[in-house]
N, C-alpha and C. Protein backbone atom coordinates (compact mmCIF):
# COMPACT_ATOMS: atom_id res chain seq x y z
N MET A 1 -5.50 -15.59 1.40
CA MET A 1 -5.23 -14.20 1.10
C MET A 1 -5.35 -14.02 -0.42
N THR A 2 -6.08 -13.00 -0.83
CA THR A 2 -6.22 -12.73 -2.26
C THR A 2 -4.95 -12.12 -2.80
N GLN A 3 -4.87 -12.08 -4.13
CA GLN A 3 -3.66 -11.57 -4.75
C GLN A 3 -3.42 -10.10 -4.44
N THR A 4 -4.49 -9.32 -4.27
CA THR A 4 -4.33 -7.89 -4.00
C THR A 4 -4.23 -7.58 -2.52
N GLU A 5 -4.54 -8.54 -1.68
CA GLU A 5 -4.49 -8.31 -0.24
C GLU A 5 -3.05 -8.38 0.25
N THR A 6 -2.69 -7.49 1.13
CA THR A 6 -1.33 -7.49 1.68
C THR A 6 -1.37 -8.04 3.09
N PRO A 7 -0.23 -8.46 3.63
CA PRO A 7 -0.22 -8.97 5.00
C PRO A 7 -0.67 -7.93 6.02
N THR A 8 -0.55 -6.64 5.69
CA THR A 8 -0.93 -5.59 6.63
C THR A 8 -2.37 -5.13 6.45
N ALA A 9 -3.10 -5.68 5.46
CA ALA A 9 -4.49 -5.28 5.27
C ALA A 9 -5.26 -5.57 6.56
N LYS A 10 -6.09 -4.62 6.98
CA LYS A 10 -6.91 -4.75 8.18
C LYS A 10 -6.09 -4.82 9.46
N LYS A 11 -4.85 -4.39 9.41
CA LYS A 11 -4.01 -4.35 10.61
C LYS A 11 -3.61 -2.91 10.85
N ASN A 12 -3.44 -2.59 12.09
CA ASN A 12 -2.93 -1.28 12.48
C ASN A 12 -1.42 -1.41 12.60
N LEU A 13 -0.70 -0.46 12.04
CA LEU A 13 0.76 -0.53 12.03
C LEU A 13 1.33 0.39 13.11
N VAL A 14 2.15 -0.17 13.96
CA VAL A 14 2.78 0.56 15.05
C VAL A 14 4.22 0.84 14.65
N PHE A 15 4.58 2.11 14.59
CA PHE A 15 5.95 2.51 14.24
C PHE A 15 6.65 3.01 15.49
N PHE A 16 7.84 2.49 15.74
CA PHE A 16 8.56 2.79 16.97
C PHE A 16 10.05 2.97 16.68
N ASP A 17 10.75 3.59 17.61
CA ASP A 17 12.19 3.78 17.51
C ASP A 17 12.86 2.44 17.77
N GLY A 18 13.47 1.87 16.75
CA GLY A 18 14.08 0.54 16.86
C GLY A 18 15.30 0.48 17.76
N PHE A 19 15.86 1.61 18.14
CA PHE A 19 17.04 1.64 19.01
C PHE A 19 16.68 1.78 20.49
N CYS A 20 15.47 2.17 20.77
CA CYS A 20 15.03 2.51 22.12
C CYS A 20 14.60 1.26 22.90
N HIS A 21 15.18 1.06 24.08
CA HIS A 21 14.82 -0.09 24.91
C HIS A 21 13.38 -0.02 25.39
N LEU A 22 12.91 1.17 25.77
CA LEU A 22 11.52 1.32 26.20
C LEU A 22 10.57 0.98 25.05
N CYS A 23 10.87 1.46 23.86
CA CYS A 23 10.02 1.21 22.70
C CYS A 23 9.96 -0.28 22.38
N ASN A 24 11.11 -0.95 22.40
CA ASN A 24 11.16 -2.38 22.12
C ASN A 24 10.43 -3.18 23.20
N ALA A 25 10.57 -2.79 24.45
CA ALA A 25 9.84 -3.46 25.53
C ALA A 25 8.33 -3.25 25.36
N SER A 26 7.94 -2.07 24.90
CA SER A 26 6.52 -1.80 24.66
C SER A 26 5.97 -2.68 23.54
N VAL A 27 6.76 -2.88 22.50
CA VAL A 27 6.35 -3.78 21.41
C VAL A 27 6.20 -5.20 21.94
N ASP A 28 7.14 -5.67 22.74
CA ASP A 28 7.03 -7.01 23.34
C ASP A 28 5.74 -7.12 24.15
N TRP A 29 5.45 -6.09 24.95
CA TRP A 29 4.25 -6.07 25.78
C TRP A 29 2.99 -6.14 24.92
N LEU A 30 2.97 -5.36 23.84
CA LEU A 30 1.81 -5.35 22.95
C LEU A 30 1.62 -6.69 22.25
N ILE A 31 2.69 -7.28 21.76
CA ILE A 31 2.60 -8.58 21.06
C ILE A 31 1.96 -9.62 21.97
N LEU A 32 2.36 -9.65 23.23
CA LEU A 32 1.81 -10.62 24.18
C LEU A 32 0.32 -10.41 24.44
N ARG A 33 -0.14 -9.19 24.36
CA ARG A 33 -1.52 -8.87 24.71
C ARG A 33 -2.45 -8.68 23.52
N ASP A 34 -1.90 -8.72 22.32
CA ASP A 34 -2.70 -8.54 21.10
C ASP A 34 -3.34 -9.87 20.71
N LYS A 35 -4.34 -10.29 21.46
CA LYS A 35 -4.98 -11.59 21.25
C LYS A 35 -5.74 -11.66 19.92
N LYS A 36 -6.25 -10.52 19.45
CA LYS A 36 -6.99 -10.49 18.18
C LYS A 36 -6.06 -10.34 16.98
N ARG A 37 -4.78 -10.14 17.23
CA ARG A 37 -3.75 -9.99 16.18
C ARG A 37 -4.14 -8.89 15.18
N VAL A 38 -4.44 -7.71 15.73
CA VAL A 38 -4.81 -6.56 14.90
C VAL A 38 -3.66 -5.57 14.73
N LEU A 39 -2.49 -5.90 15.30
CA LEU A 39 -1.36 -4.98 15.25
C LEU A 39 -0.16 -5.63 14.55
N GLN A 40 0.55 -4.81 13.79
CA GLN A 40 1.85 -5.18 13.26
C GLN A 40 2.80 -4.04 13.57
N TYR A 41 4.09 -4.30 13.50
CA TYR A 41 5.08 -3.35 13.99
C TYR A 41 6.20 -3.17 12.98
N SER A 42 6.73 -1.96 12.97
CA SER A 42 7.90 -1.66 12.15
C SER A 42 8.66 -0.53 12.84
N SER A 43 9.98 -0.61 12.77
CA SER A 43 10.75 0.49 13.33
C SER A 43 10.63 1.70 12.42
N LEU A 44 10.77 2.86 12.98
CA LEU A 44 10.74 4.09 12.19
C LEU A 44 11.91 4.14 11.22
N GLN A 45 12.94 3.34 11.47
CA GLN A 45 14.11 3.28 10.60
C GLN A 45 13.96 2.23 9.49
N GLY A 46 12.83 1.50 9.46
CA GLY A 46 12.66 0.38 8.55
C GLY A 46 12.07 0.74 7.19
N GLU A 47 12.05 -0.26 6.32
CA GLU A 47 11.53 -0.11 4.95
C GLU A 47 10.03 0.16 4.93
N THR A 48 9.28 -0.47 5.83
CA THR A 48 7.84 -0.25 5.87
C THR A 48 7.53 1.20 6.21
N ALA A 49 8.26 1.75 7.16
CA ALA A 49 8.07 3.17 7.52
C ALA A 49 8.38 4.07 6.33
N LYS A 50 9.43 3.74 5.57
CA LYS A 50 9.77 4.54 4.39
C LYS A 50 8.65 4.51 3.36
N ALA A 51 7.97 3.38 3.25
CA ALA A 51 6.92 3.24 2.25
C ALA A 51 5.62 3.92 2.66
N ILE A 52 5.39 4.07 3.96
CA ILE A 52 4.09 4.55 4.43
C ILE A 52 4.13 5.96 5.01
N LEU A 53 5.20 6.29 5.73
CA LEU A 53 5.25 7.55 6.46
C LEU A 53 6.02 8.63 5.70
N SER A 54 5.73 9.86 6.03
CA SER A 54 6.48 10.99 5.46
C SER A 54 7.89 11.01 6.05
N ALA A 55 8.78 11.71 5.38
CA ALA A 55 10.16 11.85 5.88
C ALA A 55 10.16 12.51 7.26
N ALA A 56 9.30 13.49 7.45
CA ALA A 56 9.23 14.18 8.75
C ALA A 56 8.81 13.22 9.86
N ASP A 57 7.83 12.36 9.59
CA ASP A 57 7.39 11.39 10.59
C ASP A 57 8.49 10.39 10.91
N ARG A 58 9.26 9.98 9.91
CA ARG A 58 10.32 8.99 10.13
C ARG A 58 11.51 9.55 10.89
N THR A 59 11.74 10.85 10.80
CA THR A 59 12.91 11.43 11.48
C THR A 59 12.59 11.85 12.90
N SER A 60 11.32 11.90 13.26
CA SER A 60 10.94 12.24 14.63
C SER A 60 10.88 10.95 15.45
N LEU A 61 12.06 10.48 15.88
CA LEU A 61 12.15 9.20 16.57
C LEU A 61 11.58 9.23 17.98
N SER A 62 11.27 10.41 18.49
CA SER A 62 10.77 10.50 19.86
C SER A 62 9.27 10.29 19.95
N THR A 63 8.62 9.96 18.85
CA THR A 63 7.19 9.75 18.93
C THR A 63 6.78 8.40 18.37
N LEU A 64 5.87 7.78 19.08
CA LEU A 64 5.24 6.55 18.64
C LEU A 64 4.18 6.95 17.63
N LEU A 65 4.12 6.23 16.51
CA LEU A 65 3.09 6.50 15.50
C LEU A 65 2.29 5.23 15.25
N VAL A 66 1.00 5.40 15.02
CA VAL A 66 0.16 4.28 14.63
C VAL A 66 -0.57 4.68 13.36
N SER A 67 -0.40 3.86 12.34
CA SER A 67 -1.18 4.02 11.11
C SER A 67 -2.35 3.05 11.23
N THR A 68 -3.55 3.59 11.39
CA THR A 68 -4.72 2.73 11.60
C THR A 68 -5.20 2.14 10.28
N CYS A 69 -5.99 1.07 10.39
CA CYS A 69 -6.48 0.44 9.15
C CYS A 69 -7.36 1.36 8.34
N ASP A 70 -7.90 2.40 8.94
CA ASP A 70 -8.71 3.34 8.16
C ASP A 70 -7.91 4.55 7.68
N GLY A 71 -6.57 4.49 7.80
CA GLY A 71 -5.73 5.52 7.20
C GLY A 71 -5.32 6.67 8.09
N GLN A 72 -5.75 6.70 9.33
CA GLN A 72 -5.34 7.78 10.24
C GLN A 72 -3.91 7.54 10.73
N ILE A 73 -3.20 8.62 11.00
CA ILE A 73 -1.90 8.53 11.66
C ILE A 73 -2.08 9.14 13.05
N LEU A 74 -1.89 8.32 14.07
CA LEU A 74 -2.01 8.77 15.45
C LEU A 74 -0.62 8.93 16.04
N ARG A 75 -0.46 9.94 16.88
CA ARG A 75 0.84 10.27 17.47
C ARG A 75 0.73 10.38 18.98
N GLU A 76 1.87 10.21 19.61
CA GLU A 76 2.05 10.47 21.03
C GLU A 76 0.97 9.80 21.88
N SER A 77 0.35 10.55 22.80
CA SER A 77 -0.59 9.93 23.74
C SER A 77 -1.81 9.35 23.03
N GLN A 78 -2.22 9.94 21.93
CA GLN A 78 -3.38 9.39 21.21
C GLN A 78 -3.06 8.01 20.65
N ALA A 79 -1.83 7.80 20.22
CA ALA A 79 -1.40 6.48 19.75
C ALA A 79 -1.41 5.49 20.91
N VAL A 80 -0.92 5.91 22.08
CA VAL A 80 -0.89 5.04 23.25
C VAL A 80 -2.31 4.63 23.65
N PHE A 81 -3.22 5.58 23.71
CA PHE A 81 -4.60 5.27 24.09
C PHE A 81 -5.25 4.34 23.07
N PHE A 82 -4.99 4.56 21.79
CA PHE A 82 -5.52 3.68 20.75
C PHE A 82 -5.01 2.24 20.97
N LEU A 83 -3.72 2.10 21.23
CA LEU A 83 -3.14 0.77 21.42
C LEU A 83 -3.70 0.08 22.65
N LEU A 84 -3.90 0.83 23.73
CA LEU A 84 -4.49 0.24 24.94
C LEU A 84 -5.89 -0.30 24.66
N ARG A 85 -6.63 0.38 23.77
CA ARG A 85 -7.98 -0.09 23.41
C ARG A 85 -7.94 -1.37 22.58
N GLN A 86 -6.83 -1.64 21.92
CA GLN A 86 -6.73 -2.79 21.02
C GLN A 86 -6.35 -4.09 21.73
N VAL A 87 -5.74 -3.99 22.90
CA VAL A 87 -5.17 -5.18 23.52
C VAL A 87 -5.92 -5.60 24.78
N SER A 88 -5.73 -6.86 25.15
CA SER A 88 -6.28 -7.39 26.40
C SER A 88 -5.27 -7.10 27.49
N SER A 89 -5.68 -6.37 28.48
CA SER A 89 -4.71 -5.99 29.48
C SER A 89 -5.37 -5.47 30.74
N GLY A 90 -4.69 -5.67 31.84
CA GLY A 90 -5.11 -5.08 33.10
C GLY A 90 -4.74 -3.61 33.19
N TRP A 91 -4.07 -3.10 32.18
CA TRP A 91 -3.62 -1.71 32.16
C TRP A 91 -4.64 -0.77 31.53
N LYS A 92 -5.83 -1.27 31.19
CA LYS A 92 -6.83 -0.42 30.54
C LYS A 92 -7.28 0.73 31.44
N PHE A 93 -7.03 0.63 32.73
CA PHE A 93 -7.37 1.73 33.63
C PHE A 93 -6.66 3.02 33.21
N LEU A 94 -5.54 2.89 32.49
CA LEU A 94 -4.83 4.08 32.01
C LEU A 94 -5.66 4.87 31.00
N LEU A 95 -6.68 4.23 30.44
CA LEU A 95 -7.55 4.95 29.50
C LEU A 95 -8.32 6.07 30.19
N ALA A 96 -8.38 6.06 31.50
CA ALA A 96 -9.01 7.17 32.23
C ALA A 96 -8.31 8.49 31.90
N PHE A 97 -6.99 8.42 31.61
CA PHE A 97 -6.24 9.63 31.25
C PHE A 97 -6.63 10.16 29.87
N SER A 98 -7.28 9.34 29.06
CA SER A 98 -7.69 9.80 27.73
C SER A 98 -8.78 10.86 27.80
N PHE A 99 -9.38 11.04 28.99
CA PHE A 99 -10.39 12.08 29.16
C PHE A 99 -9.78 13.44 29.49
N PHE A 100 -8.48 13.45 29.76
CA PHE A 100 -7.77 14.71 29.97
C PHE A 100 -7.54 15.37 28.62
N PRO A 101 -7.36 16.66 28.58
CA PRO A 101 -7.07 17.35 27.31
C PRO A 101 -5.79 16.79 26.68
N VAL A 102 -5.80 16.71 25.36
CA VAL A 102 -4.66 16.15 24.62
C VAL A 102 -3.37 16.90 24.93
N PHE A 103 -3.44 18.22 25.09
CA PHE A 103 -2.21 18.97 25.35
C PHE A 103 -1.54 18.50 26.65
N LEU A 104 -2.33 18.06 27.63
CA LEU A 104 -1.76 17.56 28.89
C LEU A 104 -1.18 16.15 28.73
N THR A 105 -1.93 15.27 28.07
CA THR A 105 -1.43 13.90 27.91
C THR A 105 -0.23 13.86 26.97
N ASP A 106 -0.22 14.71 25.94
CA ASP A 106 0.95 14.78 25.07
C ASP A 106 2.15 15.38 25.80
N PHE A 107 1.91 16.32 26.69
CA PHE A 107 3.00 16.90 27.49
C PHE A 107 3.66 15.81 28.33
N ALA A 108 2.86 14.98 29.00
CA ALA A 108 3.41 13.88 29.80
C ALA A 108 4.15 12.88 28.90
N TYR A 109 3.58 12.59 27.74
CA TYR A 109 4.23 11.69 26.78
C TYR A 109 5.60 12.23 26.39
N ARG A 110 5.68 13.52 26.10
CA ARG A 110 6.95 14.13 25.67
C ARG A 110 8.01 14.10 26.75
N ILE A 111 7.61 14.20 28.01
CA ILE A 111 8.58 14.12 29.10
C ILE A 111 9.24 12.73 29.09
N VAL A 112 8.44 11.69 28.97
CA VAL A 112 8.98 10.33 28.91
C VAL A 112 9.82 10.16 27.64
N ALA A 113 9.30 10.62 26.52
CA ALA A 113 10.02 10.46 25.24
C ALA A 113 11.38 11.16 25.27
N ARG A 114 11.42 12.33 25.85
CA ARG A 114 12.67 13.11 25.90
C ARG A 114 13.73 12.42 26.78
N ASN A 115 13.28 11.66 27.76
CA ASN A 115 14.20 11.04 28.72
C ASN A 115 14.35 9.53 28.55
N ARG A 116 13.73 8.96 27.53
CA ARG A 116 13.67 7.50 27.41
C ARG A 116 15.04 6.84 27.30
N TYR A 117 15.98 7.42 26.58
CA TYR A 117 17.31 6.81 26.46
C TYR A 117 18.03 6.84 27.80
N ARG A 118 17.91 7.94 28.51
CA ARG A 118 18.58 8.08 29.80
C ARG A 118 17.97 7.13 30.83
N TRP A 119 16.63 7.02 30.84
CA TRP A 119 15.96 6.19 31.83
C TRP A 119 15.99 4.70 31.49
N PHE A 120 15.87 4.35 30.20
CA PHE A 120 15.71 2.95 29.81
C PHE A 120 16.83 2.40 28.94
N GLY A 121 17.65 3.26 28.35
CA GLY A 121 18.78 2.82 27.55
C GLY A 121 18.49 2.84 26.06
N LYS A 122 19.57 2.63 25.30
CA LYS A 122 19.51 2.69 23.84
C LYS A 122 20.45 1.62 23.28
N SER A 123 20.00 0.95 22.24
CA SER A 123 20.82 -0.04 21.54
C SER A 123 21.63 0.62 20.45
N ASP A 124 22.67 -0.04 20.02
CA ASP A 124 23.45 0.49 18.90
C ASP A 124 22.99 -0.10 17.57
N HIS A 125 21.93 -0.92 17.62
CA HIS A 125 21.36 -1.49 16.39
C HIS A 125 19.85 -1.70 16.58
N CYS A 126 19.15 -1.79 15.46
CA CYS A 126 17.70 -2.01 15.51
C CYS A 126 17.40 -3.44 15.94
N ARG A 127 16.22 -3.63 16.39
CA ARG A 127 15.73 -4.93 16.86
C ARG A 127 15.80 -5.96 15.73
N ILE A 128 16.28 -7.14 16.05
CA ILE A 128 16.27 -8.26 15.11
C ILE A 128 15.20 -9.22 15.61
N PRO A 129 14.16 -9.44 14.81
CA PRO A 129 13.04 -10.26 15.29
C PRO A 129 13.42 -11.73 15.44
N THR A 130 12.85 -12.35 16.47
CA THR A 130 12.99 -13.79 16.64
C THR A 130 12.08 -14.47 15.62
N THR A 131 12.20 -15.77 15.52
CA THR A 131 11.36 -16.53 14.58
C THR A 131 9.88 -16.31 14.89
N GLU A 132 9.53 -16.31 16.18
CA GLU A 132 8.12 -16.12 16.59
C GLU A 132 7.62 -14.73 16.26
N GLU A 133 8.50 -13.74 16.31
CA GLU A 133 8.11 -12.34 16.09
C GLU A 133 8.00 -11.97 14.61
N LYS A 134 8.55 -12.76 13.74
CA LYS A 134 8.60 -12.38 12.32
C LYS A 134 7.23 -12.13 11.72
N SER A 135 6.19 -12.78 12.21
CA SER A 135 4.86 -12.53 11.67
C SER A 135 4.27 -11.22 12.16
N HIS A 136 4.86 -10.63 13.19
CA HIS A 136 4.39 -9.36 13.75
C HIS A 136 5.21 -8.16 13.29
N LEU A 137 6.51 -8.38 13.10
CA LEU A 137 7.43 -7.28 12.78
C LEU A 137 7.69 -7.22 11.29
N LEU A 138 7.46 -6.05 10.73
CA LEU A 138 7.69 -5.82 9.30
C LEU A 138 9.06 -5.20 9.12
N PRO A 139 9.62 -5.32 7.92
CA PRO A 139 10.96 -4.75 7.67
C PRO A 139 10.96 -3.23 7.79
């Protein structure tokens, strides 16, 4: 690694609600399937999010955000479809929904996001990475 290169260079950053069980399970799922190691993760409550995202993006905990290596910020269903394209998975059939209008896929995303704590639960603290996860999870 050169002196100016950062650990996140050429990686897509996935920002998620660190208290949400569904979000944390999704990160676990992605880590297992990211064979090319093109993704890194940070909670929306973390230091990396503070350095990269706007205050408005960090306070909207109900949305998954992806900061792509080319500088785009993807939200909601577009972030999900982007992530599915990045990983090896039998779930790629879900990309068929990416052909639906964004307003419909985002509507479905928001229904899950609005109910995620009730359906999947919520922690009283952010995720603490295991030794194996430390190379994937940023502060």
